Every structure is written in structure tokens, then in C-alpha cells.
Amino acid sequence: MGIGAIVGLVFGGKGLNKALNKALKFTRSAKIASAAQIGRRVDELHGKLDDVAQGQRTTAIIRAWTGKGFVDVIAGSGDRGLDKKILGALNGEKPAPNIKGLDAEQNALAYIKEKGWKPYAGAASKPVCPWCQNEIFNEGGVWSERPRRP
């Protein structure tokens, strides 16, 4: 009997595939690929703002693990939160309630923690502050560091 057959017996056949697929979702390379994908989406959404607004605001998306699946939480910074142009272009992302005075990443993280979810990967339209980055890293998540538009 081969190792695959033994593992199949131990884990109940199809359960093995499900367990392996779930484990593969949490590898570092999967998280990095996810962060890069999120970064492209952040650029797309933040690009809906005019040039002045792009320079003054931050848009962040943090993908969170709910225990059953992933959800992308999007947030804005400052007193305004997310612009209507961004809200109108969402495609399944869940907007976090805006907490005045917090960074976009902090708004998303506050919502994720309130729901009991775990940060998985994220990206923002501007470089992330050390506090926000550590919050994500401490949970095992990764952050996309990609070149930014000037």
C-alpha cells in the first residue's frame, strides 16, 4: 500500500484533498501572490480618484480569513473614508466603517478584529506605517510592497 493510500485512509479520502487545499491557501507564497493581486485592485480603485485626491487620501484592502473563506475589506483614511467613486466601483469588497483620524489600514483592521477574522494579506495606495504593518505581520499576514505611482 502506497503512502497516498495510507494518508487517504487516515484522513478519509476526499477529506485529504480538502485539508491539503486549505493548507496550501496559507503558504507564504500563496499569501504573497494574494497581496500582489490585492495591490493591483487597490491601484485600480484608487485610480478612480482625481490626481489631487490620490495624493491626499489612502485606500487599503486587507483580505481576511473568516474561518470559512476569504473576504476583502476595503477602507479609506482620514475624516472622509472611502470616496463615492470607489464605493461605486466595488466588486465584492466589503467597506469598513470609517473611524475618523485613523489610517485606512487601521480602519480595515478594526473592522476585521471586530468580526473576529484574521488578516491574511493586504495592500494600500501609500506605504504602510509600521504599526499597521506589524498588526498584519503579527497575525501571520503579508503586505504588498510594490512600486507606487509618483
Protein backbone atom coordinates (compact mmCIF):
# COMPACT_ATOMS: atom_id res chain seq x y z
CA MET A 1 0.00 0.00 0.00
CA GLY A 2 1.41 3.41 -1.01
CA ILE A 3 1.68 6.48 1.19
CA GLY A 4 -1.20 8.13 -0.67
CA ALA A 5 -3.49 5.24 0.14
CA ILE A 6 -2.44 5.26 3.80
CA VAL A 7 -2.98 9.00 4.09
CA GLY A 8 -6.32 8.60 2.31
CA LEU A 9 -7.41 6.00 4.86
CA VAL A 10 -6.27 8.12 7.80
CA PHE A 11 -7.91 11.32 6.55
CA GLY A 12 -10.93 9.78 4.89
CA GLY A 13 -10.14 10.09 1.19
CA LYS A 14 -11.73 13.31 -0.05
CA GLY A 15 -11.04 14.93 3.29
CA LEU A 16 -7.35 14.81 2.43
CA ASN A 17 -7.82 16.92 -0.69
CA LYS A 18 -9.87 19.41 1.26
CA ALA A 19 -7.27 19.55 4.05
CA LEU A 20 -4.40 19.94 1.57
CA ASN A 21 -6.20 22.69 -0.35
CA LYS A 22 -6.87 24.54 2.87
CA ALA A 23 -3.25 24.19 3.98
CA LEU A 24 -1.98 25.42 0.61
CA LYS A 25 -4.05 28.60 0.96
CA PHE A 26 -1.93 29.56 3.96
CA THR A 27 1.55 29.11 2.49
CA ARG A 28 3.73 32.20 2.36
CA SER A 29 3.91 32.12 -1.44
CA ALA A 30 0.10 31.98 -1.67
CA LYS A 31 -0.15 34.98 0.65
CA ILE A 32 2.42 36.94 -1.37
CA ALA A 33 0.54 36.21 -4.60
CA SER A 34 -2.68 37.26 -2.89
CA ALA A 35 -1.09 40.53 -1.69
CA ALA A 36 0.09 41.30 -5.21
CA GLN A 37 -3.42 40.70 -6.56
CA ILE A 38 -4.86 42.96 -3.87
CA GLY A 39 -2.28 45.62 -4.74
CA ARG A 40 -3.45 45.68 -8.35
CA ARG A 41 -7.05 46.09 -7.17
CA VAL A 42 -6.06 48.93 -4.82
CA ASP A 43 -4.33 50.71 -7.72
CA GLU A 44 -7.41 50.22 -9.89
CA LEU A 45 -9.81 51.60 -7.28
CA HIS A 46 -7.58 54.42 -6.01
CA GLY A 47 -7.03 55.44 -9.65
CA LYS A 48 -10.71 56.39 -9.87
CA LEU A 49 -9.89 59.49 -7.79
CA ASP A 50 -8.60 62.69 -9.36
CA ASP A 51 -4.87 63.41 -9.09
CA VAL A 52 -5.20 65.72 -6.07
CA ALA A 53 -7.36 63.25 -4.14
CA GLN A 54 -4.98 60.40 -4.99
CA GLY A 55 -2.16 62.32 -3.34
CA GLN A 56 -4.15 63.23 -0.23
CA ARG A 57 -6.03 60.01 0.50
CA THR A 58 -5.18 56.39 1.13
CA THR A 59 -7.13 53.34 0.03
CA ALA A 60 -6.35 49.97 1.59
CA ILE A 61 -7.66 46.46 1.12
CA ILE A 62 -6.95 43.71 3.61
CA ARG A 63 -8.00 40.17 2.78
CA ALA A 64 -9.23 38.43 5.92
CA TRP A 65 -9.86 34.80 6.74
CA THR A 66 -13.30 34.37 8.29
CA GLY A 67 -12.80 30.74 9.28
CA LYS A 68 -14.87 29.64 6.29
CA GLY A 69 -13.47 31.73 3.47
CA PHE A 70 -11.87 34.99 2.49
CA VAL A 71 -13.34 38.47 2.43
CA ASP A 72 -11.66 41.62 1.11
CA VAL A 73 -12.17 44.56 3.45
CA ILE A 74 -11.61 47.97 1.89
CA ALA A 75 -11.14 51.18 3.82
CA GLY A 76 -10.17 54.80 3.35
CA SER A 77 -8.23 57.15 5.54
CA GLY A 78 -8.97 60.38 7.35
CA ASP A 79 -12.25 62.00 8.13
CA ARG A 80 -13.91 61.17 4.81
CA GLY A 81 -13.29 57.47 4.45
CA LEU A 82 -13.98 55.95 1.03
CA ASP A 83 -14.95 58.21 -1.85
CA LYS A 84 -18.21 57.62 -3.73
CA LYS A 85 -16.22 56.88 -6.89
CA ILE A 86 -14.52 53.98 -5.14
CA LEU A 87 -17.69 52.75 -3.42
CA GLY A 88 -19.45 52.70 -6.82
CA ALA A 89 -16.71 50.53 -8.31
CA LEU A 90 -16.61 47.81 -5.65
CA ASN A 91 -16.91 44.25 -6.85
CA GLY A 92 -17.48 42.17 -3.75
CA GLU A 93 -15.14 44.07 -1.42
CA LYS A 94 -16.69 44.86 1.96
CA PRO A 95 -16.30 48.52 3.01
CA ALA A 96 -15.14 49.03 6.59
CA PRO A 97 -16.87 51.73 8.61
CA ASN A 98 -14.74 54.85 8.73
CA ILE A 99 -13.26 55.85 12.09
CA LYS A 100 -12.19 59.48 11.83
CA GLY A 101 -8.49 60.12 12.20
CA LEU A 102 -7.33 56.54 11.58
CA ASP A 103 -5.19 55.27 8.73
CA ALA A 104 -7.02 53.29 6.06
CA GLU A 105 -5.25 50.12 7.23
CA GLN A 106 -6.32 50.80 10.83
CA ASN A 107 -9.95 51.20 9.74
CA ALA A 108 -9.84 47.86 7.90
CA LEU A 109 -8.04 46.12 10.77
CA ALA A 110 -10.53 47.46 13.35
CA TYR A 111 -13.41 46.02 11.32
CA ILE A 112 -11.62 42.69 10.80
CA LYS A 113 -10.91 42.37 14.54
CA GLU A 114 -14.48 43.35 15.43
CA LYS A 115 -15.71 40.47 13.26
CA GLY A 116 -13.20 38.02 14.80
CA TRP A 117 -11.45 37.47 11.45
CA LYS A 118 -7.70 37.16 10.79
CA PRO A 119 -5.75 39.44 8.42
CA TYR A 120 -4.25 37.38 5.60
CA ALA A 121 -2.76 39.82 3.08
CA GLY A 122 -3.13 43.44 2.14
CA ALA A 123 -2.05 46.44 0.14
CA ALA A 124 -2.53 50.18 0.20
CA SER A 125 -2.16 53.08 -2.17
CA LYS A 126 0.61 54.55 0.00
CA PRO A 127 3.39 52.96 2.06
CA VAL A 128 2.01 51.40 5.23
CA CYS A 129 3.01 52.70 8.65
CA PRO A 130 5.00 50.37 10.95
CA TRP A 131 2.09 49.95 13.39
CA CYS A 132 -0.30 48.72 10.71
CA GLN A 133 2.34 46.53 9.12
CA ASN A 134 3.14 44.90 12.48
CA GLU A 135 -0.55 44.25 13.17
CA ILE A 136 -0.80 42.32 9.93
CA PHE A 137 2.54 40.53 10.34
CA ASN A 138 1.74 39.55 13.95
CA GLU A 139 -1.31 37.68 12.64
CA GLY A 140 0.78 35.87 10.02
CA GLY A 141 -0.36 38.06 7.13
CA VAL A 142 1.74 39.65 4.41
CA TRP A 143 1.78 43.12 2.89
CA SER A 144 2.32 44.08 -0.74
CA GLU A 145 5.24 46.42 -1.25
CA ARG A 146 5.12 47.41 -4.89
CA PRO A 147 6.30 50.46 -6.80
CA ARG A 148 3.91 53.35 -6.46
CA ARG A 149 2.84 55.91 -9.00
CA PRO A 150 4.53 59.30 -8.46
